[in-house]
Amino acid sequence: MSLVQYNNPWSLFNQLQRQLLDPDLTKLNSDDANVATASWAPSVDISESDEAFRLVADIPGVNPDDIDISMEKGVLTIKGERNTESVEENGDFRRVERQSGVFYRRFSLPDSADAEKISAKSEHGVLTITIPKQEVALSRRIEVQY
């Protein structure tokens, strides 16, 4: 039996498209140098209720201390790293399917997101980020005085 590694032929095209559509990825500085080499990205579920936005990310094997969550100019950024353990085996074959390395995800949030009250919780490899909504000022007619 021979093993054949499957590579998605569209993955490089998709990566190029993401870089072209996200202008921040083209402006790499020393702090964000790991963005271009991110070896994996966690899956994230996003939901919205009347009170808050909620992001749920699957990041098994990542220490919560190794996760950096920041909010700047309406963009929520999640960075982190999952390290692999070095294992020696005496057999002729070893297969590793778990991805490791740096991950980086960014999410644009609407103006109704309250950046001051964001909370994050990690439990059993699942990161839950709750972003409460703030009240948006209602539009009103302003009369001109004369």
C-alpha atoms as a PDB file:
ATOM      1  CA  MET A   1       0.000   0.000   0.000  1.00  0.00           C
ATOM      2  CA  SER A   2       1.397   3.386  -0.933  1.00  0.00           C
ATOM      3  CA  LEU A   3       0.459   6.648   0.734  1.00  0.00           C
ATOM      4  CA  VAL A   4      -0.204   9.657  -1.443  1.00  0.00           C
ATOM      5  CA  GLN A   5      -0.232  13.140   0.047  1.00  0.00           C
ATOM      6  CA  TYR A   6      -3.134  15.219  -1.235  1.00  0.00           C
ATOM      7  CA  ASN A   7      -2.478  18.902  -1.750  1.00  0.00           C
ATOM      8  CA  ASN A   8      -5.342  21.182  -2.570  1.00  0.00           C
ATOM      9  CA  PRO A   9      -4.445  22.701  -5.952  1.00  0.00           C
ATOM     10  CA  TRP A  10      -6.371  25.881  -5.101  1.00  0.00           C
ATOM     11  CA  SER A  11      -4.693  26.557  -1.742  1.00  0.00           C
ATOM     12  CA  LEU A  12      -1.943  28.767  -3.199  1.00  0.00           C
ATOM     13  CA  PHE A  13      -4.481  30.681  -5.277  1.00  0.00           C
ATOM     14  CA  ASN A  14      -6.699  31.192  -2.216  1.00  0.00           C
ATOM     15  CA  GLN A  15      -3.714  32.374  -0.176  1.00  0.00           C
ATOM     16  CA  LEU A  16      -2.743  34.878  -2.886  1.00  0.00           C
ATOM     17  CA  GLN A  17      -6.330  36.120  -3.106  1.00  0.00           C
ATOM     18  CA  ARG A  18      -6.502  36.648   0.672  1.00  0.00           C
ATOM     19  CA  GLN A  19      -3.265  38.622   0.587  1.00  0.00           C
ATOM     20  CA  LEU A  20      -4.442  40.789  -2.289  1.00  0.00           C
ATOM     21  CA  LEU A  21      -7.799  41.542  -0.675  1.00  0.00           C
ATOM     22  CA  ASP A  22      -6.385  42.268   2.793  1.00  0.00           C
ATOM     23  CA  PRO A  23      -4.173  45.373   2.510  1.00  0.00           C
ATOM     24  CA  ASP A  24      -2.784  44.870   6.041  1.00  0.00           C
ATOM     25  CA  LEU A  25      -1.108  41.612   4.973  1.00  0.00           C
ATOM     26  CA  THR A  26       0.945  43.482   2.363  1.00  0.00           C
ATOM     27  CA  LYS A  27       2.263  45.967   4.945  1.00  0.00           C
ATOM     28  CA  LEU A  28       4.257  43.590   7.080  1.00  0.00           C
ATOM     29  CA  ASN A  29       6.382  45.102   9.793  1.00  0.00           C
ATOM     30  CA  SER A  30       8.705  43.413  12.263  1.00  0.00           C
ATOM     31  CA  ASP A  31       5.911  42.831  14.782  1.00  0.00           C
ATOM     32  CA  ASP A  32       3.670  41.089  12.238  1.00  0.00           C
ATOM     33  CA  ALA A  33       6.403  39.247  10.324  1.00  0.00           C
ATOM     34  CA  ASN A  34       4.847  35.911  11.259  1.00  0.00           C
ATOM     35  CA  VAL A  35       1.650  36.739   9.364  1.00  0.00           C
ATOM     36  CA  ALA A  36       2.989  35.624   6.006  1.00  0.00           C
ATOM     37  CA  THR A  37       4.292  32.367   7.440  1.00  0.00           C
ATOM     38  CA  ALA A  38       1.216  31.367   9.431  1.00  0.00           C
ATOM     39  CA  SER A  39       1.099  27.635   8.936  1.00  0.00           C
ATOM     40  CA  TRP A  40      -2.502  27.105   9.982  1.00  0.00           C
ATOM     41  CA  ALA A  41      -5.650  28.987  10.921  1.00  0.00           C
ATOM     42  CA  PRO A  42      -8.177  27.774  13.476  1.00  0.00           C
ATOM     43  CA  SER A  43     -11.778  27.306  12.414  1.00  0.00           C
ATOM     44  CA  VAL A  44     -14.036  30.006  13.845  1.00  0.00           C
ATOM     45  CA  ASP A  45     -17.812  30.108  14.239  1.00  0.00           C
ATOM     46  CA  ILE A  46     -19.347  33.585  14.431  1.00  0.00           C
ATOM     47  CA  SER A  47     -22.788  34.335  15.794  1.00  0.00           C
ATOM     48  CA  GLU A  48     -24.753  37.444  16.698  1.00  0.00           C
ATOM     49  CA  SER A  49     -27.496  38.003  19.215  1.00  0.00           C
ATOM     50  CA  ASP A  50     -29.320  41.154  20.282  1.00  0.00           C
ATOM     51  CA  GLU A  51     -26.775  41.699  23.075  1.00  0.00           C
ATOM     52  CA  ALA A  52     -23.420  40.553  21.638  1.00  0.00           C
ATOM     53  CA  PHE A  53     -21.262  39.042  18.926  1.00  0.00           C
ATOM     54  CA  ARG A  54     -19.669  35.691  19.725  1.00  0.00           C
ATOM     55  CA  LEU A  55     -16.633  34.016  18.152  1.00  0.00           C
ATOM     56  CA  VAL A  56     -15.863  30.383  18.939  1.00  0.00           C
ATOM     57  CA  ALA A  57     -12.471  29.107  17.744  1.00  0.00           C
ATOM     58  CA  ASP A  58     -11.155  25.544  17.852  1.00  0.00           C
ATOM     59  CA  ILE A  59      -7.583  25.705  19.090  1.00  0.00           C
ATOM     60  CA  PRO A  60      -6.788  22.362  20.748  1.00  0.00           C
ATOM     61  CA  GLY A  61      -3.304  21.998  22.119  1.00  0.00           C
ATOM     62  CA  VAL A  62      -2.726  25.738  22.483  1.00  0.00           C
ATOM     63  CA  ASN A  63      -1.915  27.058  25.932  1.00  0.00           C
ATOM     64  CA  PRO A  64      -4.233  30.008  26.739  1.00  0.00           C
ATOM     65  CA  ASP A  65      -1.125  31.970  27.811  1.00  0.00           C
ATOM     66  CA  ASP A  66       0.144  31.681  24.205  1.00  0.00           C
ATOM     67  CA  ILE A  67      -2.936  33.412  22.754  1.00  0.00           C
ATOM     68  CA  ASP A  68      -2.878  37.153  22.069  1.00  0.00           C
ATOM     69  CA  ILE A  69      -6.226  38.864  21.469  1.00  0.00           C
ATOM     70  CA  SER A  70      -6.307  42.549  20.601  1.00  0.00           C
ATOM     71  CA  MET A  71      -8.801  45.079  19.269  1.00  0.00           C
ATOM     72  CA  GLU A  72      -7.689  48.095  17.291  1.00  0.00           C
ATOM     73  CA  LYS A  73      -9.624  50.369  14.928  1.00  0.00           C
ATOM     74  CA  GLY A  74     -12.580  48.005  14.695  1.00  0.00           C
ATOM     75  CA  VAL A  75     -10.467  44.926  13.930  1.00  0.00           C
ATOM     76  CA  LEU A  76     -10.250  42.011  16.366  1.00  0.00           C
ATOM     77  CA  THR A  77      -6.973  40.079  16.028  1.00  0.00           C
ATOM     78  CA  ILE A  78      -6.285  36.604  17.400  1.00  0.00           C
ATOM     79  CA  LYS A  79      -2.666  35.401  17.320  1.00  0.00           C
ATOM     80  CA  GLY A  80      -1.090  32.367  18.865  1.00  0.00           C
ATOM     81  CA  GLU A  81       1.157  29.387  18.431  1.00  0.00           C
ATOM     82  CA  ARG A  82       0.818  25.658  18.830  1.00  0.00           C
ATOM     83  CA  ASN A  83       4.079  23.824  19.398  1.00  0.00           C
ATOM     84  CA  THR A  84       4.754  20.213  18.526  1.00  0.00           C
ATOM     85  CA  GLU A  85       6.461  17.784  20.814  1.00  0.00           C
ATOM     86  CA  SER A  86       9.536  16.037  19.514  1.00  0.00           C
ATOM     87  CA  VAL A  87       8.922  12.301  19.506  1.00  0.00           C
ATOM     88  CA  GLU A  88      11.427   9.626  18.589  1.00  0.00           C
ATOM     89  CA  GLU A  89      10.120   6.449  17.065  1.00  0.00           C
ATOM     90  CA  ASN A  90      11.956   3.273  16.214  1.00  0.00           C
ATOM     91  CA  GLY A  91       9.582   2.303  13.413  1.00  0.00           C
ATOM     92  CA  ASP A  92      10.077   2.914   9.725  1.00  0.00           C
ATOM     93  CA  PHE A  93       7.080   5.183   9.396  1.00  0.00           C
ATOM     94  CA  ARG A  94       5.715   8.240  11.117  1.00  0.00           C
ATOM     95  CA  ARG A  95       2.744  10.330  10.086  1.00  0.00           C
ATOM     96  CA  VAL A  96       1.829  13.686  11.600  1.00  0.00           C
ATOM     97  CA  GLU A  97      -1.502  15.261  10.667  1.00  0.00           C
ATOM     98  CA  ARG A  98      -1.913  17.849  13.423  1.00  0.00           C
ATOM     99  CA  GLN A  99      -0.856  21.274  12.260  1.00  0.00           C
ATOM    100  CA  SER A 100       1.474  23.328  14.396  1.00  0.00           C
ATOM    101  CA  GLY A 101       3.073  26.721  14.287  1.00  0.00           C
ATOM    102  CA  VAL A 102       1.805  30.279  14.324  1.00  0.00           C
ATOM    103  CA  PHE A 103      -1.816  31.162  13.626  1.00  0.00           C
ATOM    104  CA  TYR A 104      -3.305  34.568  12.918  1.00  0.00           C
ATOM    105  CA  ARG A 105      -6.948  35.548  12.352  1.00  0.00           C
ATOM    106  CA  ARG A 106      -8.490  39.021  11.958  1.00  0.00           C
ATOM    107  CA  PHE A 107     -12.151  40.044  12.080  1.00  0.00           C
ATOM    108  CA  SER A 108     -13.662  43.413  11.195  1.00  0.00           C
ATOM    109  CA  LEU A 109     -16.344  44.384  13.687  1.00  0.00           C
ATOM    110  CA  PRO A 110     -19.185  46.850  13.202  1.00  0.00           C
ATOM    111  CA  ASP A 111     -19.357  50.156  15.047  1.00  0.00           C
ATOM    112  CA  SER A 112     -21.878  48.671  17.469  1.00  0.00           C
ATOM    113  CA  ALA A 113     -19.161  46.454  19.038  1.00  0.00           C
ATOM    114  CA  ASP A 114     -18.092  47.617  22.507  1.00  0.00           C
ATOM    115  CA  ALA A 115     -14.300  47.211  22.483  1.00  0.00           C
ATOM    116  CA  GLU A 116     -13.996  48.029  26.183  1.00  0.00           C
ATOM    117  CA  LYS A 117     -16.058  45.046  27.340  1.00  0.00           C
ATOM    118  CA  ILE A 118     -14.653  42.197  25.227  1.00  0.00           C
ATOM    119  CA  SER A 119     -14.104  38.979  27.180  1.00  0.00           C
ATOM    120  CA  ALA A 120     -12.405  35.712  26.260  1.00  0.00           C
ATOM    121  CA  LYS A 121     -12.550  32.240  27.795  1.00  0.00           C
ATOM    122  CA  SER A 122     -10.659  29.085  26.877  1.00  0.00           C
ATOM    123  CA  GLU A 123     -12.024  25.694  27.875  1.00  0.00           C
ATOM    124  CA  HIS A 124     -11.013  22.254  26.567  1.00  0.00           C
ATOM    125  CA  GLY A 125      -9.337  23.672  23.454  1.00  0.00           C
ATOM    126  CA  VAL A 126     -12.218  25.964  22.525  1.00  0.00           C
ATOM    127  CA  LEU A 127     -11.712  29.735  22.707  1.00  0.00           C
ATOM    128  CA  THR A 128     -14.891  31.776  23.144  1.00  0.00           C
ATOM    129  CA  ILE A 129     -14.725  35.540  22.618  1.00  0.00           C
ATOM    130  CA  THR A 130     -17.765  37.617  23.557  1.00  0.00           C
ATOM    131  CA  ILE A 131     -18.066  41.145  22.192  1.00  0.00           C
ATOM    132  CA  PRO A 132     -21.002  43.019  23.743  1.00  0.00           C
ATOM    133  CA  LYS A 133     -22.905  45.525  21.642  1.00  0.00           C
ATOM    134  CA  GLN A 134     -23.150  49.149  22.652  1.00  0.00           C
ATOM    135  CA  GLU A 135     -26.186  51.269  22.089  1.00  0.00           C
ATOM    136  CA  VAL A 136     -26.038  53.091  18.794  1.00  0.00           C
ATOM    137  CA  ALA A 137     -27.273  56.635  18.775  1.00  0.00           C
ATOM    138  CA  LEU A 138     -30.538  56.935  16.906  1.00  0.00           C
ATOM    139  CA  SER A 139     -30.669  59.373  14.024  1.00  0.00           C
ATOM    140  CA  ARG A 140     -32.658  62.490  14.673  1.00  0.00           C
ATOM    141  CA  ARG A 141     -33.647  65.564  12.787  1.00  0.00           C
ATOM    142  CA  ILE A 142     -31.876  68.746  13.769  1.00  0.00           C
ATOM    143  CA  GLU A 143     -33.733  71.950  13.113  1.00  0.00           C
ATOM    144  CA  VAL A 144     -31.930  74.985  11.845  1.00  0.00           C
ATOM    145  CA  GLN A 145     -32.648  78.038  13.945  1.00  0.00           C
ATOM    146  CA  TYR A 146     -33.085  81.477  12.379  1.00  0.00           C
END
